[in-house]
Amino acid sequence: MATTTNSLSIKKGFGAGTISDQVKSHANDPFVIKKVEEATKTIQRVGLPGKKKK
């Protein structure tokens, strides 16, 4: 059976997730930019909820 080694530095985190320093950024992804713009317009139109009154 062939074995492979993984040279990535992956650290175990809480739960089933893993933390890696080699995750690519989605900051300039057109899909993400479009969704952020839509969310911004929705928040401006609807607004954020105010504080709860006691």
PDB file of N, CA and C in Angstrom:
ATOM      1  N   MET A   1       0.824  -1.170   0.000  1.00  0.00           N
ATOM      2  CA  MET A   1       0.000   0.000   0.000  1.00  0.00           C
ATOM      3  C   MET A   1       0.877   1.245   0.000  1.00  0.00           C
ATOM      4  N   ALA A   2       0.575   2.179  -0.864  1.00  0.00           N
ATOM      5  CA  ALA A   2       1.359   3.400  -0.934  1.00  0.00           C
ATOM      6  C   ALA A   2       0.896   4.380   0.139  1.00  0.00           C
ATOM      7  N   THR A   3       1.840   5.064   0.718  1.00  0.00           N
ATOM      8  CA  THR A   3       1.496   6.079   1.709  1.00  0.00           C
ATOM      9  C   THR A   3       1.939   7.436   1.196  1.00  0.00           C
ATOM     10  N   THR A   4       1.193   8.442   1.553  1.00  0.00           N
ATOM     11  CA  THR A   4       1.558   9.806   1.172  1.00  0.00           C
ATOM     12  C   THR A   4       1.742  10.625   2.427  1.00  0.00           C
ATOM     13  N   THR A   5       2.603  11.603   2.341  1.00  0.00           N
ATOM     14  CA  THR A   5       2.810  12.495   3.474  1.00  0.00           C
ATOM     15  C   THR A   5       2.246  13.854   3.114  1.00  0.00           C
ATOM     16  N   ASN A   6       1.692  14.489   4.097  1.00  0.00           N
ATOM     17  CA  ASN A   6       1.120  15.809   3.907  1.00  0.00           C
ATOM     18  C   ASN A   6       2.030  16.811   4.600  1.00  0.00           C
ATOM     19  N   SER A   7       2.610  17.730   3.847  1.00  0.00           N
ATOM     20  CA  SER A   7       3.552  18.678   4.419  1.00  0.00           C
ATOM     21  C   SER A   7       2.882  19.977   4.853  1.00  0.00           C
ATOM     22  N   LEU A   8       1.552  20.033   4.835  1.00  0.00           N
ATOM     23  CA  LEU A   8       0.852  21.227   5.286  1.00  0.00           C
ATOM     24  C   LEU A   8       0.863  21.291   6.805  1.00  0.00           C
ATOM     25  N   SER A   9       0.918  22.512   7.318  1.00  0.00           N
ATOM     26  CA  SER A   9       0.871  22.656   8.771  1.00  0.00           C
ATOM     27  C   SER A   9      -0.584  22.842   9.185  1.00  0.00           C
ATOM     28  N   ILE A  10      -1.208  21.758   9.587  1.00  0.00           N
ATOM     29  CA  ILE A  10      -2.602  21.773   9.995  1.00  0.00           C
ATOM     30  C   ILE A  10      -2.665  21.505  11.488  1.00  0.00           C
ATOM     31  N   LYS A  11      -3.396  22.357  12.187  1.00  0.00           N
ATOM     32  CA  LYS A  11      -3.531  22.212  13.627  1.00  0.00           C
ATOM     33  C   LYS A  11      -4.966  21.826  13.939  1.00  0.00           C
ATOM     34  N   LYS A  12      -5.127  20.954  14.884  1.00  0.00           N
ATOM     35  CA  LYS A  12      -6.468  20.570  15.312  1.00  0.00           C
ATOM     36  C   LYS A  12      -7.050  21.686  16.160  1.00  0.00           C
ATOM     37  N   GLY A  13      -8.304  21.989  15.915  1.00  0.00           N
ATOM     38  CA  GLY A  13      -8.985  23.011  16.691  1.00  0.00           C
ATOM     39  C   GLY A  13     -10.083  22.392  17.523  1.00  0.00           C
ATOM     40  N   PHE A  14     -11.056  23.164  17.849  1.00  0.00           N
ATOM     41  CA  PHE A  14     -12.192  22.686  18.617  1.00  0.00           C
ATOM     42  C   PHE A  14     -13.161  21.987  17.687  1.00  0.00           C
ATOM     43  N   GLY A  15     -13.695  20.886  18.102  1.00  0.00           N
ATOM     44  CA  GLY A  15     -14.663  20.154  17.310  1.00  0.00           C
ATOM     45  C   GLY A  15     -14.012  19.466  16.131  1.00  0.00           C
ATOM     46  N   ALA A  16     -14.781  19.357  15.060  1.00  0.00           N
ATOM     47  CA  ALA A  16     -14.303  18.624  13.892  1.00  0.00           C
ATOM     48  C   ALA A  16     -13.518  19.502  12.921  1.00  0.00           C
ATOM     49  N   GLY A  17     -13.428  20.794  13.150  1.00  0.00           N
ATOM     50  CA  GLY A  17     -12.742  21.703  12.235  1.00  0.00           C
ATOM     51  C   GLY A  17     -11.238  21.658  12.396  1.00  0.00           C
ATOM     52  N   THR A  18     -10.545  22.117  11.370  1.00  0.00           N
ATOM     53  CA  THR A  18      -9.096  22.232  11.427  1.00  0.00           C
ATOM     54  C   THR A  18      -8.703  23.654  11.079  1.00  0.00           C
ATOM     55  N   ILE A  19      -7.561  24.076  11.560  1.00  0.00           N
ATOM     56  CA  ILE A  19      -7.045  25.417  11.307  1.00  0.00           C
ATOM     57  C   ILE A  19      -5.792  25.277  10.470  1.00  0.00           C
ATOM     58  N   SER A  20      -5.723  26.026   9.375  1.00  0.00           N
ATOM     59  CA  SER A  20      -4.557  25.978   8.507  1.00  0.00           C
ATOM     60  C   SER A  20      -4.176  27.394   8.097  1.00  0.00           C
ATOM     61  N   ASP A  21      -2.890  27.644   7.986  1.00  0.00           N
ATOM     62  CA  ASP A  21      -2.405  28.948   7.544  1.00  0.00           C
ATOM     63  C   ASP A  21      -2.407  29.063   6.022  1.00  0.00           C
ATOM     64  N   GLN A  22      -2.756  28.007   5.314  1.00  0.00           N
ATOM     65  CA  GLN A  22      -2.641  27.993   3.866  1.00  0.00           C
ATOM     66  C   GLN A  22      -4.004  28.020   3.170  1.00  0.00           C
ATOM     67  N   VAL A  23      -4.967  28.712   3.751  1.00  0.00           N
ATOM     68  CA  VAL A  23      -6.291  28.838   3.155  1.00  0.00           C
ATOM     69  C   VAL A  23      -6.287  30.068   2.265  1.00  0.00           C
ATOM     70  N   LYS A  24      -6.803  29.925   1.039  1.00  0.00           N
ATOM     71  CA  LYS A  24      -6.774  31.068   0.135  1.00  0.00           C
ATOM     72  C   LYS A  24      -7.845  32.076   0.538  1.00  0.00           C
ATOM     73  N   SER A  25      -7.581  33.323   0.272  1.00  0.00           N
ATOM     74  CA  SER A  25      -8.499  34.401   0.617  1.00  0.00           C
ATOM     75  C   SER A  25      -9.595  34.511  -0.429  1.00  0.00           C
ATOM     76  N   HIS A  26     -10.808  34.768   0.030  1.00  0.00           N
ATOM     77  CA  HIS A  26     -11.933  34.989  -0.875  1.00  0.00           C
ATOM     78  C   HIS A  26     -12.311  36.469  -0.921  1.00  0.00           C
ATOM     79  N   ALA A  27     -11.396  37.345  -0.514  1.00  0.00           N
ATOM     80  CA  ALA A  27     -11.681  38.774  -0.428  1.00  0.00           C
ATOM     81  C   ALA A  27     -12.003  39.379  -1.792  1.00  0.00           C
ATOM     82  N   ASN A  28     -11.402  38.926  -2.853  1.00  0.00           N
ATOM     83  CA  ASN A  28     -11.629  39.491  -4.179  1.00  0.00           C
ATOM     84  C   ASN A  28     -12.463  38.584  -5.075  1.00  0.00           C
ATOM     85  N   ASP A  29     -13.110  37.603  -4.499  1.00  0.00           N
ATOM     86  CA  ASP A  29     -13.958  36.686  -5.253  1.00  0.00           C
ATOM     87  C   ASP A  29     -15.218  37.426  -5.695  1.00  0.00           C
ATOM     88  N   PRO A  30     -15.538  37.439  -6.995  1.00  0.00           N
ATOM     89  CA  PRO A  30     -16.706  38.181  -7.486  1.00  0.00           C
ATOM     90  C   PRO A  30     -18.017  37.746  -6.825  1.00  0.00           C
ATOM     91  N   PHE A  31     -18.179  36.472  -6.541  1.00  0.00           N
ATOM     92  CA  PHE A  31     -19.397  35.986  -5.901  1.00  0.00           C
ATOM     93  C   PHE A  31     -19.534  36.574  -4.496  1.00  0.00           C
ATOM     94  N   VAL A  32     -18.441  36.589  -3.743  1.00  0.00           N
ATOM     95  CA  VAL A  32     -18.458  37.117  -2.383  1.00  0.00           C
ATOM     96  C   VAL A  32     -18.715  38.620  -2.404  1.00  0.00           C
ATOM     97  N   ILE A  33     -18.083  39.332  -3.311  1.00  0.00           N
ATOM     98  CA  ILE A  33     -18.283  40.781  -3.423  1.00  0.00           C
ATOM     99  C   ILE A  33     -19.742  41.092  -3.732  1.00  0.00           C
ATOM    100  N   LYS A  34     -20.349  40.327  -4.631  1.00  0.00           N
ATOM    101  CA  LYS A  34     -21.748  40.529  -4.982  1.00  0.00           C
ATOM    102  C   LYS A  34     -22.649  40.304  -3.767  1.00  0.00           C
ATOM    103  N   LYS A  35     -22.402  39.250  -3.012  1.00  0.00           N
ATOM    104  CA  LYS A  35     -23.222  38.955  -1.838  1.00  0.00           C
ATOM    105  C   LYS A  35     -23.052  40.018  -0.755  1.00  0.00           C
ATOM    106  N   VAL A  36     -21.852  40.542  -0.578  1.00  0.00           N
ATOM    107  CA  VAL A  36     -21.618  41.591   0.415  1.00  0.00           C
ATOM    108  C   VAL A  36     -22.354  42.861   0.014  1.00  0.00           C
ATOM    109  N   GLU A  37     -22.325  43.213  -1.273  1.00  0.00           N
ATOM    110  CA  GLU A  37     -23.044  44.395  -1.745  1.00  0.00           C
ATOM    111  C   GLU A  37     -24.551  44.233  -1.547  1.00  0.00           C
ATOM    112  N   GLU A  38     -25.089  43.042  -1.837  1.00  0.00           N
ATOM    113  CA  GLU A  38     -26.514  42.797  -1.627  1.00  0.00           C
ATOM    114  C   GLU A  38     -26.876  42.906  -0.144  1.00  0.00           C
ATOM    115  N   ALA A  39     -26.037  42.358   0.710  1.00  0.00           N
ATOM    116  CA  ALA A  39     -26.296  42.418   2.153  1.00  0.00           C
ATOM    117  C   ALA A  39     -26.239  43.859   2.653  1.00  0.00           C
ATOM    118  N   THR A  40     -25.300  44.649   2.147  1.00  0.00           N
ATOM    119  CA  THR A  40     -25.187  46.044   2.542  1.00  0.00           C
ATOM    120  C   THR A  40     -26.438  46.817   2.149  1.00  0.00           C
ATOM    121  N   LYS A  41     -26.927  46.593   0.924  1.00  0.00           N
ATOM    122  CA  LYS A  41     -28.147  47.267   0.475  1.00  0.00           C
ATOM    123  C   LYS A  41     -29.343  46.860   1.324  1.00  0.00           C
ATOM    124  N   THR A  42     -29.437  45.596   1.673  1.00  0.00           N
ATOM    125  CA  THR A  42     -30.543  45.111   2.492  1.00  0.00           C
ATOM    126  C   THR A  42     -30.498  45.732   3.885  1.00  0.00           C
ATOM    127  N   ILE A  43     -29.329  45.812   4.479  1.00  0.00           N
ATOM    128  CA  ILE A  43     -29.200  46.413   5.813  1.00  0.00           C
ATOM    129  C   ILE A  43     -29.551  47.894   5.767  1.00  0.00           C
ATOM    130  N   GLN A  44     -29.156  48.594   4.709  1.00  0.00           N
ATOM    131  CA  GLN A  44     -29.496  50.008   4.592  1.00  0.00           C
ATOM    132  C   GLN A  44     -30.999  50.198   4.413  1.00  0.00           C
ATOM    133  N   ARG A  45     -31.631  49.291   3.688  1.00  0.00           N
ATOM    134  CA  ARG A  45     -33.067  49.396   3.430  1.00  0.00           C
ATOM    135  C   ARG A  45     -33.880  49.006   4.659  1.00  0.00           C
ATOM    136  N   VAL A  46     -33.522  47.899   5.307  1.00  0.00           N
ATOM    137  CA  VAL A  46     -34.304  47.363   6.412  1.00  0.00           C
ATOM    138  C   VAL A  46     -33.817  47.894   7.754  1.00  0.00           C
ATOM    139  N   GLY A  47     -32.518  48.028   7.900  1.00  0.00           N
ATOM    140  CA  GLY A  47     -31.941  48.467   9.164  1.00  0.00           C
ATOM    141  C   GLY A  47     -31.634  47.297  10.076  1.00  0.00           C
ATOM    142  N   LEU A  48     -30.939  47.596  11.142  1.00  0.00           N
ATOM    143  CA  LEU A  48     -30.599  46.589  12.138  1.00  0.00           C
ATOM    144  C   LEU A  48     -31.572  46.705  13.306  1.00  0.00           C
ATOM    145  N   PRO A  49     -31.824  45.612  13.999  1.00  0.00           N
ATOM    146  CA  PRO A  49     -32.737  45.687  15.146  1.00  0.00           C
ATOM    147  C   PRO A  49     -32.134  46.530  16.264  1.00  0.00           C
ATOM    148  N   GLY A  50     -32.986  47.230  16.981  1.00  0.00           N
ATOM    149  CA  GLY A  50     -32.528  48.051  18.091  1.00  0.00           C
ATOM    150  C   GLY A  50     -32.310  47.221  19.332  1.00  0.00           C
ATOM    151  N   LYS A  51     -31.956  47.888  20.401  1.00  0.00           N
ATOM    152  CA  LYS A  51     -31.745  47.198  21.673  1.00  0.00           C
ATOM    153  C   LYS A  51     -33.090  46.759  22.244  1.00  0.00           C
ATOM    154  N   LYS A  52     -33.064  45.651  22.957  1.00  0.00           N
ATOM    155  CA  LYS A  52     -34.284  45.176  23.621  1.00  0.00           C
ATOM    156  C   LYS A  52     -34.596  46.054  24.819  1.00  0.00           C
ATOM    157  N   LYS A  53     -35.850  46.346  24.987  1.00  0.00           N
ATOM    158  CA  LYS A  53     -36.270  47.116  26.154  1.00  0.00           C
ATOM    159  C   LYS A  53     -36.603  46.145  27.268  1.00  0.00           C
ATOM    160  N   LYS A  54     -36.190  46.479  28.477  1.00  0.00           N
ATOM    161  CA  LYS A  54     -36.450  45.592  29.613  1.00  0.00           C
ATOM    162  C   LYS A  54     -37.775  45.880  30.233  1.00  0.00           C
TER     163      LYS A  54
END
